């Protein structure tokens, strides 16, 4: 099954973040700079290219995590590729 994602062109900082191959990468900056979007997109791309990878996305509070990552991932991927377990606070992406 072919997976198609429409990803807008990233900014230069986002592109550098996506291309970084280190195991741990920090990405900071001012509010509204596209950090959360970049993290979501890179996470999805890594899940597609590295089946079984474990990725942790954290925020200061659970409501922030839900608003900034969980809900946008649901909209981006739908239920076909993603399942969120609210009791475990765990998102599972399956592309195979």
Protein backbone atom coordinates (compact mmCIF):
# COMPACT_ATOMS: atom_id res chain seq x y z
CA UNK A 1 0.00 0.00 0.00
CA UNK A 2 1.43 3.39 -0.98
CA UNK A 3 1.36 6.13 1.64
CA UNK A 4 0.85 9.68 0.45
CA UNK A 5 1.41 12.65 2.71
CA UNK A 6 1.13 16.20 1.47
CA UNK A 7 3.79 18.14 3.33
CA UNK A 8 4.24 21.86 2.68
CA UNK A 9 7.75 23.14 1.99
CA UNK A 10 9.60 23.60 5.30
CA UNK A 11 11.50 26.69 6.36
CA UNK A 12 15.30 26.49 6.36
CA UNK A 13 15.41 25.71 10.12
CA UNK A 14 12.73 23.05 9.71
CA UNK A 15 14.63 21.49 6.81
CA UNK A 16 17.84 21.36 8.87
CA UNK A 17 15.93 19.73 11.73
CA UNK A 18 14.38 17.13 9.40
CA UNK A 19 17.75 16.30 7.86
CA UNK A 20 19.62 15.97 11.18
CA UNK A 21 20.59 12.34 11.79
CA UNK A 22 21.62 12.53 15.47
CA UNK A 23 19.82 10.27 17.95
CA UNK A 24 18.75 13.26 20.05
CA UNK A 25 17.92 16.64 18.58
CA UNK A 26 16.78 19.78 20.41
CA UNK A 27 14.79 22.35 18.47
CA UNK A 28 13.98 25.69 20.09
CA UNK A 29 12.82 29.13 19.13
CA UNK A 30 10.07 31.68 19.50
CA UNK A 31 6.37 30.94 19.61
CA UNK A 32 4.84 30.36 16.20
CA UNK A 33 8.02 29.19 14.50
CA UNK A 34 6.64 25.82 13.42
CA UNK A 35 8.48 23.66 15.95
CA UNK A 36 5.51 21.46 16.87
CA UNK A 37 4.60 20.96 13.21
CA UNK A 38 8.21 20.04 12.40
CA UNK A 39 8.35 17.53 15.24
CA UNK A 40 5.09 15.88 14.12
CA UNK A 41 6.15 15.62 10.49
CA UNK A 42 9.63 14.31 11.30
CA UNK A 43 8.13 11.78 13.71
CA UNK A 44 5.73 10.47 11.07
CA UNK A 45 8.48 10.30 8.44
CA UNK A 46 10.74 8.40 10.85
CA UNK A 47 7.91 5.96 11.64
CA UNK A 48 7.45 5.30 7.94
CA UNK A 49 11.14 4.79 7.20
CA UNK A 50 12.08 2.98 10.45
CA UNK A 51 9.31 0.53 11.43
CA UNK A 52 9.28 -0.19 15.16
CA UNK A 53 11.00 3.08 16.12
CA UNK A 54 9.95 4.60 19.45
CA UNK A 55 9.58 8.38 19.53
CA UNK A 56 8.75 10.50 22.56
CA UNK A 57 7.15 13.92 22.19
CA UNK A 58 6.73 15.83 25.44
CA UNK A 59 5.12 19.07 26.54
CA UNK A 60 4.94 20.79 29.90
CA UNK A 61 1.36 19.64 30.52
CA UNK A 62 -0.93 16.97 29.11
CA UNK A 63 -3.46 19.56 27.83
CA UNK A 64 -0.62 21.21 25.87
CA UNK A 65 0.45 17.82 24.47
CA UNK A 66 -3.11 17.03 23.45
CA UNK A 67 -3.68 20.41 21.77
CA UNK A 68 -0.28 20.68 20.10
CA UNK A 69 0.39 17.10 19.02
CA UNK A 70 -2.29 14.48 19.69
CA UNK A 71 -5.19 16.25 17.99
CA UNK A 72 -3.12 17.53 15.03
CA UNK A 73 -1.74 14.00 14.48
CA UNK A 74 -5.29 12.63 14.47
CA UNK A 75 -6.23 15.16 11.80
CA UNK A 76 -3.08 14.51 9.79
CA UNK A 77 -3.25 10.70 9.82
CA UNK A 78 -6.85 9.82 10.55
CA UNK A 79 -7.67 6.41 12.01
CA UNK A 80 -6.24 4.43 9.12
CA UNK A 81 -2.62 4.71 10.26
CA UNK A 82 -2.85 5.89 13.87
CA UNK A 83 -4.38 4.72 17.13
CA UNK A 84 -4.32 6.72 20.34
CA UNK A 85 -4.71 4.91 23.67
CA UNK A 86 -5.92 7.55 26.13
CA UNK A 87 -5.45 5.40 29.24
CA UNK A 88 -1.78 4.73 28.35
CA UNK A 89 -1.27 8.19 26.81
CA UNK A 90 0.28 6.37 23.89
CA UNK A 91 0.02 6.93 20.14
CA UNK A 92 0.74 3.99 17.84
CA UNK A 93 1.42 4.58 14.16
CA UNK A 94 1.25 1.60 11.81
CA UNK A 95 2.18 1.92 8.15
CA UNK A 96 2.92 -1.70 7.26
